[in-house]
Amino acid sequence: MTEQIKNQIQNISKFEQKVIFTLLAVIVMLFSMYGYLLNSTVHSIVLRESAGKEKQTLISHIADLNAEYITSKNSITLDIASAHGFVSASEPQFISRQNTVKTLSFNNAI
């Protein structure tokens, strides 16, 4: 009888050990997942901040280029243009286009 009780106690003890080791493995796995997800989140936040700073730098650079363009455009005079070989047009010439090609329309009206 005592031998049977001893075997049952050992079986219960082995089952408890399996349960404890399984729970410990699950806890370790959950902490590992938490660490990975936390690392991923922090990495994404850092990348977004870096992209935001780069975007602001590019916007500032574009604004500087626009200001430089406006300054250059306003500094061009007739003297500078003629120095580079441009001449004033004596008569303006306009190009007209005659519509000789018939096109299809929704109601066949031309």
PDB file of N, CA and C in Angstrom:
ATOM      1  N   MET A   1       0.814  -1.184   0.000  1.00  0.00           N
ATOM      2  CA  MET A   1       0.000   0.000   0.000  1.00  0.00           C
ATOM      3  C   MET A   1       0.863   1.256   0.000  1.00  0.00           C
ATOM      4  N   THR A   2       1.877   1.256   0.855  1.00  0.00           N
ATOM      5  CA  THR A   2       2.750   2.419   0.914  1.00  0.00           C
ATOM      6  C   THR A   2       3.510   2.600  -0.389  1.00  0.00           C
ATOM      7  N   GLU A   3       3.795   1.491  -1.051  1.00  0.00           N
ATOM      8  CA  GLU A   3       4.507   1.570  -2.332  1.00  0.00           C
ATOM      9  C   GLU A   3       3.602   2.218  -3.385  1.00  0.00           C
ATOM     10  N   GLN A   4       2.346   1.888  -3.376  1.00  0.00           N
ATOM     11  CA  GLN A   4       1.387   2.458  -4.320  1.00  0.00           C
ATOM     12  C   GLN A   4       1.220   3.955  -4.073  1.00  0.00           C
ATOM     13  N   ILE A   5       1.151   4.366  -2.830  1.00  0.00           N
ATOM     14  CA  ILE A   5       1.033   5.799  -2.489  1.00  0.00           C
ATOM     15  C   ILE A   5       2.301   6.533  -2.906  1.00  0.00           C
ATOM     16  N   LYS A   6       3.419   5.889  -2.692  1.00  0.00           N
ATOM     17  CA  LYS A   6       4.702   6.501  -3.071  1.00  0.00           C
ATOM     18  C   LYS A   6       4.757   6.722  -4.594  1.00  0.00           C
ATOM     19  N   ASN A   7       4.290   5.752  -5.386  1.00  0.00           N
ATOM     20  CA  ASN A   7       4.263   5.879  -6.843  1.00  0.00           C
ATOM     21  C   ASN A   7       3.324   7.003  -7.284  1.00  0.00           C
ATOM     22  N   GLN A   8       2.177   7.109  -6.623  1.00  0.00           N
ATOM     23  CA  GLN A   8       1.230   8.177  -6.961  1.00  0.00           C
ATOM     24  C   GLN A   8       1.823   9.546  -6.660  1.00  0.00           C
ATOM     25  N   ILE A   9       2.511   9.657  -5.550  1.00  0.00           N
ATOM     26  CA  ILE A   9       3.143  10.932  -5.188  1.00  0.00           C
ATOM     27  C   ILE A   9       4.218  11.289  -6.211  1.00  0.00           C
ATOM     28  N   GLN A  10       4.989  10.300  -6.659  1.00  0.00           N
ATOM     29  CA  GLN A  10       6.012  10.557  -7.655  1.00  0.00           C
ATOM     30  C   GLN A  10       5.384  10.967  -8.988  1.00  0.00           C
ATOM     31  N   ASN A  11       4.274  10.320  -9.374  1.00  0.00           N
ATOM     32  CA  ASN A  11       3.581  10.673 -10.614  1.00  0.00           C
ATOM     33  C   ASN A  11       3.048  12.103 -10.546  1.00  0.00           C
ATOM     34  N   ILE A  12       2.453  12.441  -9.392  1.00  0.00           N
ATOM     35  CA  ILE A  12       1.946  13.807  -9.218  1.00  0.00           C
ATOM     36  C   ILE A  12       3.101  14.797  -9.256  1.00  0.00           C
ATOM     37  N   SER A  13       4.204  14.439  -8.633  1.00  0.00           N
ATOM     38  CA  SER A  13       5.372  15.315  -8.609  1.00  0.00           C
ATOM     39  C   SER A  13       5.919  15.523 -10.025  1.00  0.00           C
ATOM     40  N   LYS A  14       5.984  14.454 -10.849  1.00  0.00           N
ATOM     41  CA  LYS A  14       6.467  14.583 -12.229  1.00  0.00           C
ATOM     42  C   LYS A  14       5.521  15.464 -13.048  1.00  0.00           C
ATOM     43  N   PHE A  15       4.211  15.296 -12.844  1.00  0.00           N
ATOM     44  CA  PHE A  15       3.234  16.119 -13.554  1.00  0.00           C
ATOM     45  C   PHE A  15       3.397  17.592 -13.181  1.00  0.00           C
ATOM     46  N   GLU A  16       3.593  17.854 -11.881  1.00  0.00           N
ATOM     47  CA  GLU A  16       3.789  19.243 -11.430  1.00  0.00           C
ATOM     48  C   GLU A  16       5.068  19.831 -12.031  1.00  0.00           C
ATOM     49  N   GLN A  17       6.109  19.034 -12.131  1.00  0.00           N
ATOM     50  CA  GLN A  17       7.356  19.507 -12.734  1.00  0.00           C
ATOM     51  C   GLN A  17       7.143  19.854 -14.205  1.00  0.00           C
ATOM     52  N   LYS A  18       6.401  19.008 -14.923  1.00  0.00           N
ATOM     53  CA  LYS A  18       6.121  19.288 -16.328  1.00  0.00           C
ATOM     54  C   LYS A  18       5.317  20.578 -16.469  1.00  0.00           C
ATOM     55  N   VAL A  19       4.339  20.752 -15.597  1.00  0.00           N
ATOM     56  CA  VAL A  19       3.512  21.961 -15.650  1.00  0.00           C
ATOM     57  C   VAL A  19       4.365  23.191 -15.358  1.00  0.00           C
ATOM     58  N   ILE A  20       5.215  23.117 -14.380  1.00  0.00           N
ATOM     59  CA  ILE A  20       6.068  24.253 -13.999  1.00  0.00           C
ATOM     60  C   ILE A  20       7.041  24.588 -15.139  1.00  0.00           C
ATOM     61  N   PHE A  21       7.675  23.573 -15.713  1.00  0.00           N
ATOM     62  CA  PHE A  21       8.605  23.835 -16.812  1.00  0.00           C
ATOM     63  C   PHE A  21       7.874  24.399 -18.034  1.00  0.00           C
ATOM     64  N   THR A  22       6.673  23.907 -18.299  1.00  0.00           N
ATOM     65  CA  THR A  22       5.885  24.428 -19.412  1.00  0.00           C
ATOM     66  C   THR A  22       5.527  25.885 -19.161  1.00  0.00           C
ATOM     67  N   LEU A  23       5.090  26.200 -17.953  1.00  0.00           N
ATOM     68  CA  LEU A  23       4.755  27.589 -17.621  1.00  0.00           C
ATOM     69  C   LEU A  23       5.983  28.491 -17.718  1.00  0.00           C
ATOM     70  N   LEU A  24       7.126  28.014 -17.252  1.00  0.00           N
ATOM     71  CA  LEU A  24       8.359  28.805 -17.358  1.00  0.00           C
ATOM     72  C   LEU A  24       8.734  29.039 -18.824  1.00  0.00           C
ATOM     73  N   ALA A  25       8.575  28.008 -19.658  1.00  0.00           N
ATOM     74  CA  ALA A  25       8.888  28.163 -21.080  1.00  0.00           C
ATOM     75  C   ALA A  25       7.941  29.180 -21.722  1.00  0.00           C
ATOM     76  N   VAL A  26       6.659  29.126 -21.373  1.00  0.00           N
ATOM     77  CA  VAL A  26       5.694  30.081 -21.915  1.00  0.00           C
ATOM     78  C   VAL A  26       6.036  31.496 -21.454  1.00  0.00           C
ATOM     79  N   ILE A  27       6.410  31.662 -20.192  1.00  0.00           N
ATOM     80  CA  ILE A  27       6.775  32.986 -19.673  1.00  0.00           C
ATOM     81  C   ILE A  27       8.002  33.530 -20.387  1.00  0.00           C
ATOM     82  N   VAL A  28       9.013  32.689 -20.594  1.00  0.00           N
ATOM     83  CA  VAL A  28      10.222  33.120 -21.306  1.00  0.00           C
ATOM     84  C   VAL A  28       9.879  33.515 -22.742  1.00  0.00           C
ATOM     85  N   MET A  29       9.016  32.735 -23.391  1.00  0.00           N
ATOM     86  CA  MET A  29       8.615  33.044 -24.754  1.00  0.00           C
ATOM     87  C   MET A  29       7.841  34.372 -24.799  1.00  0.00           C
ATOM     88  N   LEU A  30       6.954  34.599 -23.847  1.00  0.00           N
ATOM     89  CA  LEU A  30       6.195  35.853 -23.816  1.00  0.00           C
ATOM     90  C   LEU A  30       7.103  37.055 -23.583  1.00  0.00           C
ATOM     91  N   PHE A  31       8.078  36.926 -22.683  1.00  0.00           N
ATOM     92  CA  PHE A  31       9.014  38.029 -22.452  1.00  0.00           C
ATOM     93  C   PHE A  31       9.868  38.292 -23.688  1.00  0.00           C
ATOM     94  N   SER A  32      10.252  37.230 -24.388  1.00  0.00           N
ATOM     95  CA  SER A  32      11.030  37.408 -25.621  1.00  0.00           C
ATOM     96  C   SER A  32      10.204  38.135 -26.677  1.00  0.00           C
ATOM     97  N   MET A  33       8.938  37.729 -26.838  1.00  0.00           N
ATOM     98  CA  MET A  33       8.068  38.411 -27.790  1.00  0.00           C
ATOM     99  C   MET A  33       7.863  39.868 -27.410  1.00  0.00           C
ATOM    100  N   TYR A  34       7.673  40.131 -26.126  1.00  0.00           N
ATOM    101  CA  TYR A  34       7.494  41.502 -25.659  1.00  0.00           C
ATOM    102  C   TYR A  34       8.726  42.340 -25.979  1.00  0.00           C
ATOM    103  N   GLY A  35       9.912  41.784 -25.719  1.00  0.00           N
ATOM    104  CA  GLY A  35      11.153  42.497 -26.020  1.00  0.00           C
ATOM    105  C   GLY A  35      11.290  42.783 -27.503  1.00  0.00           C
ATOM    106  N   TYR A  36      10.977  41.795 -28.341  1.00  0.00           N
ATOM    107  CA  TYR A  36      11.072  41.989 -29.790  1.00  0.00           C
ATOM    108  C   TYR A  36      10.100  43.064 -30.260  1.00  0.00           C
ATOM    109  N   LEU A  37       8.857  42.995 -29.808  1.00  0.00           N
ATOM    110  CA  LEU A  37       7.861  43.977 -30.227  1.00  0.00           C
ATOM    111  C   LEU A  37       8.201  45.379 -29.725  1.00  0.00           C
ATOM    112  N   LEU A  38       8.717  45.470 -28.515  1.00  0.00           N
ATOM    113  CA  LEU A  38       9.128  46.769 -27.979  1.00  0.00           C
ATOM    114  C   LEU A  38      10.286  47.338 -28.799  1.00  0.00           C
ATOM    115  N   ASN A  39      11.247  46.496 -29.146  1.00  0.00           N
ATOM    116  CA  ASN A  39      12.384  46.928 -29.962  1.00  0.00           C
ATOM    117  C   ASN A  39      11.903  47.397 -31.333  1.00  0.00           C
ATOM    118  N   SER A  40      10.986  46.656 -31.931  1.00  0.00           N
ATOM    119  CA  SER A  40      10.436  47.040 -33.233  1.00  0.00           C
ATOM    120  C   SER A  40       9.741  48.388 -33.164  1.00  0.00           C
ATOM    121  N   THR A  41       8.963  48.599 -32.125  1.00  0.00           N
ATOM    122  CA  THR A  41       8.236  49.856 -31.980  1.00  0.00           C
ATOM    123  C   THR A  41       9.199  51.026 -31.826  1.00  0.00           C
ATOM    124  N   VAL A  42      10.190  50.874 -30.995  1.00  0.00           N
ATOM    125  CA  VAL A  42      11.162  51.945 -30.781  1.00  0.00           C
ATOM    126  C   VAL A  42      11.917  52.230 -32.074  1.00  0.00           C
ATOM    127  N   HIS A  43      12.288  51.184 -32.803  1.00  0.00           N
ATOM    128  CA  HIS A  43      13.001  51.362 -34.074  1.00  0.00           C
ATOM    129  C   HIS A  43      12.133  52.129 -35.074  1.00  0.00           C
ATOM    130  N   SER A  44      10.862  51.792 -35.148  1.00  0.00           N
ATOM    131  CA  SER A  44       9.954  52.492 -36.071  1.00  0.00           C
ATOM    132  C   SER A  44       9.803  53.960 -35.689  1.00  0.00           C
ATOM    133  N   ILE A  45       9.716  54.236 -34.407  1.00  0.00           N
ATOM    134  CA  ILE A  45       9.582  55.621 -33.944  1.00  0.00           C
ATOM    135  C   ILE A  45      10.829  56.417 -34.305  1.00  0.00           C
ATOM    136  N   VAL A  46      11.996  55.826 -34.112  1.00  0.00           N
ATOM    137  CA  VAL A  46      13.248  56.514 -34.434  1.00  0.00           C
ATOM    138  C   VAL A  46      13.334  56.787 -35.936  1.00  0.00           C
ATOM    139  N   LEU A  47      12.935  55.818 -36.758  1.00  0.00           N
ATOM    140  CA  LEU A  47      12.958  56.020 -38.205  1.00  0.00           C
ATOM    141  C   LEU A  47      11.990  57.115 -38.627  1.00  0.00           C
ATOM    142  N   ARG A  48      10.813  57.163 -38.002  1.00  0.00           N
ATOM    143  CA  ARG A  48       9.832  58.193 -38.348  1.00  0.00           C
ATOM    144  C   ARG A  48      10.351  59.577 -37.967  1.00  0.00           C
ATOM    145  N   GLU A  49      10.977  59.690 -36.816  1.00  0.00           N
ATOM    146  CA  GLU A  49      11.558  60.975 -36.403  1.00  0.00           C
ATOM    147  C   GLU A  49      12.662  61.400 -37.365  1.00  0.00           C
ATOM    148  N   SER A  50      13.491  60.449 -37.761  1.00  0.00           N
ATOM    149  CA  SER A  50      14.580  60.753 -38.688  1.00  0.00           C
ATOM    150  C   SER A  50      14.028  61.193 -40.045  1.00  0.00           C
ATOM    151  N   ALA A  51      12.980  60.526 -40.513  1.00  0.00           N
ATOM    152  CA  ALA A  51      12.359  60.916 -41.788  1.00  0.00           C
ATOM    153  C   ALA A  51      11.737  62.302 -41.678  1.00  0.00           C
ATOM    154  N   GLY A  52      11.146  62.616 -40.532  1.00  0.00           N
ATOM    155  CA  GLY A  52      10.563  63.943 -40.332  1.00  0.00           C
ATOM    156  C   GLY A  52      11.619  65.037 -40.376  1.00  0.00           C
ATOM    157  N   LYS A  53      12.764  64.783 -39.756  1.00  0.00           N
ATOM    158  CA  LYS A  53      13.850  65.769 -39.782  1.00  0.00           C
ATOM    159  C   LYS A  53      14.383  65.948 -41.201  1.00  0.00           C
ATOM    160  N   GLU A  54      14.534  64.851 -41.932  1.00  0.00           N
ATOM    161  CA  GLU A  54      15.021  64.938 -43.305  1.00  0.00           C
ATOM    162  C   GLU A  54      14.012  65.688 -44.180  1.00  0.00           C
ATOM    163  N   LYS A  55      12.730  65.448 -43.944  1.00  0.00           N
ATOM    164  CA  LYS A  55      11.681  66.143 -44.693  1.00  0.00           C
ATOM    165  C   LYS A  55      11.755  67.644 -44.444  1.00  0.00           C
ATOM    166  N   GLN A  56      11.944  68.046 -43.189  1.00  0.00           N
ATOM    167  CA  GLN A  56      12.052  69.467 -42.870  1.00  0.00           C
ATOM    168  C   GLN A  56      13.280  70.084 -43.535  1.00  0.00           C
ATOM    169  N   THR A  57      14.388  69.344 -43.565  1.00  0.00           N
ATOM    170  CA  THR A  57      15.594  69.834 -44.223  1.00  0.00           C
ATOM    171  C   THR A  57      15.346  70.041 -45.718  1.00  0.00           C
ATOM    172  N   LEU A  58      14.668  69.078 -46.350  1.00  0.00           N
ATOM    173  CA  LEU A  58      14.387  69.203 -47.782  1.00  0.00           C
ATOM    174  C   LEU A  58      13.421  70.352 -48.070  1.00  0.00           C
ATOM    175  N   ILE A  59      12.415  70.530 -47.221  1.00  0.00           N
ATOM    176  CA  ILE A  59      11.475  71.639 -47.404  1.00  0.00           C
ATOM    177  C   ILE A  59      12.202  72.967 -47.296  1.00  0.00           C
ATOM    178  N   SER A  60      13.113  73.076 -46.339  1.00  0.00           N
ATOM    179  CA  SER A  60      13.894  74.296 -46.175  1.00  0.00           C
ATOM    180  C   SER A  60      14.773  74.547 -47.401  1.00  0.00           C
ATOM    181  N   HIS A  61      15.378  73.473 -47.905  1.00  0.00           N
ATOM    182  CA  HIS A  61      16.240  73.606 -49.089  1.00  0.00           C
ATOM    183  C   HIS A  61      15.419  74.050 -50.304  1.00  0.00           C
ATOM    184  N   ILE A  62      14.234  73.488 -50.464  1.00  0.00           N
ATOM    185  CA  ILE A  62      13.360  73.875 -51.584  1.00  0.00           C
ATOM    186  C   ILE A  62      12.959  75.341 -51.457  1.00  0.00           C
ATOM    187  N   ALA A  63      12.654  75.788 -50.246  1.00  0.00           N
ATOM    188  CA  ALA A  63      12.306  77.197 -50.039  1.00  0.00           C
ATOM    189  C   ALA A  63      13.482  78.102 -50.413  1.00  0.00           C
ATOM    190  N   ASP A  64      14.693  77.685 -50.052  1.00  0.00           N
ATOM    191  CA  ASP A  64      15.884  78.467 -50.421  1.00  0.00           C
ATOM    192  C   ASP A  64      16.055  78.522 -51.942  1.00  0.00           C
ATOM    193  N   LEU A  65      15.841  77.384 -52.606  1.00  0.00           N
ATOM    194  CA  LEU A  65      15.961  77.360 -54.066  1.00  0.00           C
ATOM    195  C   LEU A  65      14.892  78.234 -54.726  1.00  0.00           C
ATOM    196  N   ASN A  66      13.676  78.225 -54.181  1.00  0.00           N
ATOM    197  CA  ASN A  66      12.614  79.083 -54.719  1.00  0.00           C
ATOM    198  C   ASN A  66      12.978  80.560 -54.566  1.00  0.00           C
ATOM    199  N   ALA A  67      13.514  80.912 -53.414  1.00  0.00           N
ATOM    200  CA  ALA A  67      13.921  82.305 -53.192  1.00  0.00           C
ATOM    201  C   ALA A  67      15.042  82.694 -54.152  1.00  0.00           C
ATOM    202  N   GLU A  68      15.988  81.781 -54.367  1.00  0.00           N
ATOM    203  CA  GLU A  68      17.085  82.043 -55.293  1.00  0.00           C
ATOM    204  C   GLU A  68      16.553  82.204 -56.718  1.00  0.00           C
ATOM    205  N   TYR A  69      15.570  81.378 -57.099  1.00  0.00           N
ATOM    206  CA  TYR A  69      14.978  81.473 -58.433  1.00  0.00           C
ATOM    207  C   TYR A  69      14.282  82.817 -58.620  1.00  0.00           C
ATOM    208  N   ILE A  70      13.513  83.225 -57.650  1.00  0.00           N
ATOM    209  CA  ILE A  70      12.798  84.508 -57.756  1.00  0.00           C
ATOM    210  C   ILE A  70      13.784  85.659 -57.848  1.00  0.00           C
ATOM    211  N   THR A  71      14.848  85.602 -57.048  1.00  0.00           N
ATOM    212  CA  THR A  71      15.868  86.643 -57.094  1.00  0.00           C
ATOM    213  C   THR A  71      16.537  86.685 -58.467  1.00  0.00           C
ATOM    214  N   SER A  72      16.872  85.505 -58.996  1.00  0.00           N
ATOM    215  CA  SER A  72      17.511  85.453 -60.324  1.00  0.00           C
ATOM    216  C   SER A  72      16.562  85.950 -61.395  1.00  0.00           C
ATOM    217  N   LYS A  73      15.290  85.558 -61.307  1.00  0.00           N
ATOM    218  CA  LYS A  73      14.311  85.971 -62.306  1.00  0.00           C
ATOM    219  C   LYS A  73      14.113  87.480 -62.292  1.00  0.00           C
ATOM    220  N   ASN A  74      14.089  88.069 -61.121  1.00  0.00           N
ATOM    221  CA  ASN A  74      13.884  89.509 -61.013  1.00  0.00           C
ATOM    222  C   ASN A  74      15.120  90.313 -61.396  1.00  0.00           C
ATOM    223  N   SER A  75      16.282  89.669 -61.424  1.00  0.00           N
ATOM    224  CA  SER A  75      17.509  90.398 -61.755  1.00  0.00           C
ATOM    225  C   SER A  75      17.766  90.455 -63.263  1.00  0.00           C
ATOM    226  N   ILE A  76      17.010  89.725 -64.053  1.00  0.00           N
ATOM    227  CA  ILE A  76      17.207  89.737 -65.506  1.00  0.00           C
ATOM    228  C   ILE A  76      16.609  91.016 -66.090  1.00  0.00           C
ATOM    229  N   THR A  77      17.419  91.730 -66.853  1.00  0.00           N
ATOM    230  CA  THR A  77      16.975  92.967 -67.494  1.00  0.00           C
ATOM    231  C   THR A  77      17.168  92.840 -69.004  1.00  0.00           C
ATOM    232  N   LEU A  78      16.680  93.848 -69.739  1.00  0.00           N
ATOM    233  CA  LEU A  78      16.858  93.829 -71.188  1.00  0.00           C
ATOM    234  C   LEU A  78      18.332  93.899 -71.574  1.00  0.00           C
ATOM    235  N   ASP A  79      19.114  94.629 -70.783  1.00  0.00           N
ATOM    236  CA  ASP A  79      20.552  94.736 -71.073  1.00  0.00           C
ATOM    237  C   ASP A  79      21.230  93.368 -70.955  1.00  0.00           C
ATOM    238  N   ILE A  80      20.912  92.642 -69.901  1.00  0.00           N
ATOM    239  CA  ILE A  80      21.519  91.311 -69.705  1.00  0.00           C
ATOM    240  C   ILE A  80      21.072  90.364 -70.812  1.00  0.00           C
ATOM    241  N   ALA A  81      19.771  90.433 -71.180  1.00  0.00           N
ATOM    242  CA  ALA A  81      19.260  89.559 -72.238  1.00  0.00           C
ATOM    243  C   ALA A  81      19.936  89.868 -73.570  1.00  0.00           C
ATOM    244  N   SER A  82      20.083  91.130 -73.894  1.00  0.00           N
ATOM    245  CA  SER A  82      20.734  91.478 -75.162  1.00  0.00           C
ATOM    246  C   SER A  82      22.217  91.134 -75.131  1.00  0.00           C
ATOM    247  N   ALA A  83      22.847  91.176 -73.967  1.00  0.00           N
ATOM    248  CA  ALA A  83      24.250  90.774 -73.856  1.00  0.00           C
ATOM    249  C   ALA A  83      24.407  89.276 -74.140  1.00  0.00           C
ATOM    250  N   HIS A  84      23.374  88.492 -73.865  1.00  0.00           N
ATOM    251  CA  HIS A  84      23.432  87.048 -74.125  1.00  0.00           C
ATOM    252  C   HIS A  84      22.900  86.687 -75.509  1.00  0.00           C
ATOM    253  N   GLY A  85      22.578  87.673 -76.333  1.00  0.00           N
ATOM    254  CA  GLY A  85      22.207  87.397 -77.707  1.00  0.00           C
ATOM    255  C   GLY A  85      20.714  87.416 -77.988  1.00  0.00           C
ATOM    256  N   PHE A  86      19.901  87.754 -77.034  1.00  0.00           N
ATOM    257  CA  PHE A  86      18.463  87.850 -77.286  1.00  0.00           C
ATOM    258  C   PHE A  86      18.156  89.204 -77.923  1.00  0.00           C
ATOM    259  N   VAL A  87      17.219  89.211 -78.844  1.00  0.00           N
ATOM    260  CA  VAL A  87      16.815  90.461 -79.498  1.00  0.00           C
ATOM    261  C   VAL A  87      15.323  90.646 -79.311  1.00  0.00           C
ATOM    262  N   SER A  88      14.893  91.887 -79.338  1.00  0.00           N
ATOM    263  CA  SER A  88      13.477  92.183 -79.200  1.00  0.00           C
ATOM    264  C   SER A  88      12.764  91.843 -80.498  1.00  0.00           C
ATOM    265  N   ALA A  89      11.579  91.343 -80.405  1.00  0.00           N
ATOM    266  CA  ALA A  89      10.800  91.004 -81.591  1.00  0.00           C
ATOM    267  C   ALA A  89      10.179  92.273 -82.134  1.00  0.00           C
ATOM    268  N   SER A  90      10.399  92.522 -83.437  1.00  0.00           N
ATOM    269  CA  SER A  90       9.830  93.733 -84.029  1.00  0.00           C
ATOM    270  C   SER A  90       8.320  93.568 -84.201  1.00  0.00           C
ATOM    271  N   GLU A  91       7.906  92.428 -84.652  1.00  0.00           N
ATOM    272  CA  GLU A  91       6.491  92.126 -84.787  1.00  0.00           C
ATOM    273  C   GLU A  91       6.210  90.812 -84.087  1.00  0.00           C
ATOM    274  N   PRO A  92       5.227  90.779 -83.250  1.00  0.00           N
ATOM    275  CA  PRO A  92       4.906  89.478 -82.639  1.00  0.00           C
ATOM    276  C   PRO A  92       4.292  88.551 -83.685  1.00  0.00           C
ATOM    277  N   GLN A  93       4.714  87.321 -83.686  1.00  0.00           N
ATOM    278  CA  GLN A  93       4.186  86.333 -84.620  1.00  0.00           C
ATOM    279  C   GLN A  93       3.437  85.281 -83.816  1.00  0.00           C
ATOM    280  N   PHE A  94       2.212  85.055 -84.218  1.00  0.00           N
ATOM    281  CA  PHE A  94       1.388  84.071 -83.532  1.00  0.00           C
ATOM    282  C   PHE A  94       1.150  82.890 -84.455  1.00  0.00           C
ATOM    283  N   ILE A  95       1.075  81.756 -83.904  1.00  0.00           N
ATOM    284  CA  ILE A  95       0.834  80.545 -84.674  1.00  0.00           C
ATOM    285  C   ILE A  95      -0.632  80.186 -84.501  1.00  0.00           C
ATOM    286  N   SER A  96      -1.288  79.988 -85.643  1.00  0.00           N
ATOM    287  CA  SER A  96      -2.687  79.578 -85.563  1.00  0.00           C
ATOM    288  C   SER A  96      -2.802  78.163 -86.088  1.00  0.00           C
ATOM    289  N   ARG A  97      -3.751  77.486 -85.587  1.00  0.00           N
ATOM    290  CA  ARG A  97      -3.939  76.105 -85.995  1.00  0.00           C
ATOM    291  C   ARG A  97      -5.334  75.971 -86.598  1.00  0.00           C
ATOM    292  N   GLN A  98      -5.369  75.501 -87.801  1.00  0.00           N
ATOM    293  CA  GLN A  98      -6.658  75.294 -88.431  1.00  0.00           C
ATOM    294  C   GLN A  98      -7.079  73.854 -88.195  1.00  0.00           C
ATOM    295  N   ASN A  99      -8.309  73.705 -87.782  1.00  0.00           N
ATOM    296  CA  ASN A  99      -8.815  72.381 -87.473  1.00  0.00           C
ATOM    297  C   ASN A  99      -9.363  71.754 -88.753  1.00  0.00           C
ATOM    298  N   THR A 100      -8.507  71.024 -89.460  1.00  0.00           N
ATOM    299  CA  THR A 100      -8.913  70.405 -90.720  1.00  0.00           C
ATOM    300  C   THR A 100      -9.302  68.945 -90.527  1.00  0.00           C
ATOM    301  N   VAL A 101      -8.991  68.404 -89.405  1.00  0.00           N
ATOM    302  CA  VAL A 101      -9.283  66.998 -89.152  1.00  0.00           C
ATOM    303  C   VAL A 101     -10.638  66.897 -88.480  1.00  0.00           C
ATOM    304  N   LYS A 102     -11.494  66.061 -89.040  1.00  0.00           N
ATOM    305  CA  LYS A 102     -12.796  65.855 -88.412  1.00  0.00           C
ATOM    306  C   LYS A 102     -12.625  64.881 -87.252  1.00  0.00           C
ATOM    307  N   THR A 103     -13.277  65.206 -86.194  1.00  0.00           N
ATOM    308  CA  THR A 103     -13.163  64.348 -85.017  1.00  0.00           C
ATOM    309  C   THR A 103     -14.528  63.780 -84.680  1.00  0.00           C
ATOM    310  N   LEU A 104     -14.520  62.724 -83.963  1.00  0.00           N
ATOM    311  CA  LEU A 104     -15.770  62.106 -83.517  1.00  0.00           C
ATOM    312  C   LEU A 104     -16.198  62.747 -82.218  1.00  0.00           C
ATOM    313  N   SER A 105     -17.476  62.918 -82.095  1.00  0.00           N
ATOM    314  CA  SER A 105     -18.002  63.426 -80.837  1.00  0.00           C
ATOM    315  C   SER A 105     -19.160  62.547 -80.408  1.00  0.00           C
ATOM    316  N   PHE A 106     -19.668  62.804 -79.268  1.00  0.00           N
ATOM    317  CA  PHE A 106     -20.722  61.974 -78.694  1.00  0.00           C
ATOM    318  C   PHE A 106     -21.976  61.957 -79.542  1.00  0.00           C
ATOM    319  N   ASN A 107     -22.370  63.126 -80.051  1.00  0.00           N
ATOM    320  CA  ASN A 107     -23.606  63.207 -80.835  1.00  0.00           C
ATOM    321  C   ASN A 107     -23.339  63.443 -82.333  1.00  0.00           C
ATOM    322  N   ASN A 108     -22.130  63.097 -82.794  1.00  0.00           N
ATOM    323  CA  ASN A 108     -21.726  63.232 -84.195  1.00  0.00           C
ATOM    324  C   ASN A 108     -21.817  64.654 -84.723  1.00  0.00           C
ATOM    325  N   ALA A 109     -21.773  65.608 -83.850  1.00  0.00           N
ATOM    326  CA  ALA A 109     -21.773  67.007 -84.283  1.00  0.00           C
ATOM    327  C   ALA A 109     -20.333  67.453 -84.415  1.00  0.00           C
ATOM    328  N   ILE A 110     -20.085  68.232 -85.463  1.00  0.00           N
ATOM    329  CA  ILE A 110     -18.715  68.719 -85.673  1.00  0.00           C
ATOM    330  C   ILE A 110     -18.672  70.199 -85.478  1.00  0.00           C
TER     331      ILE A 110
END
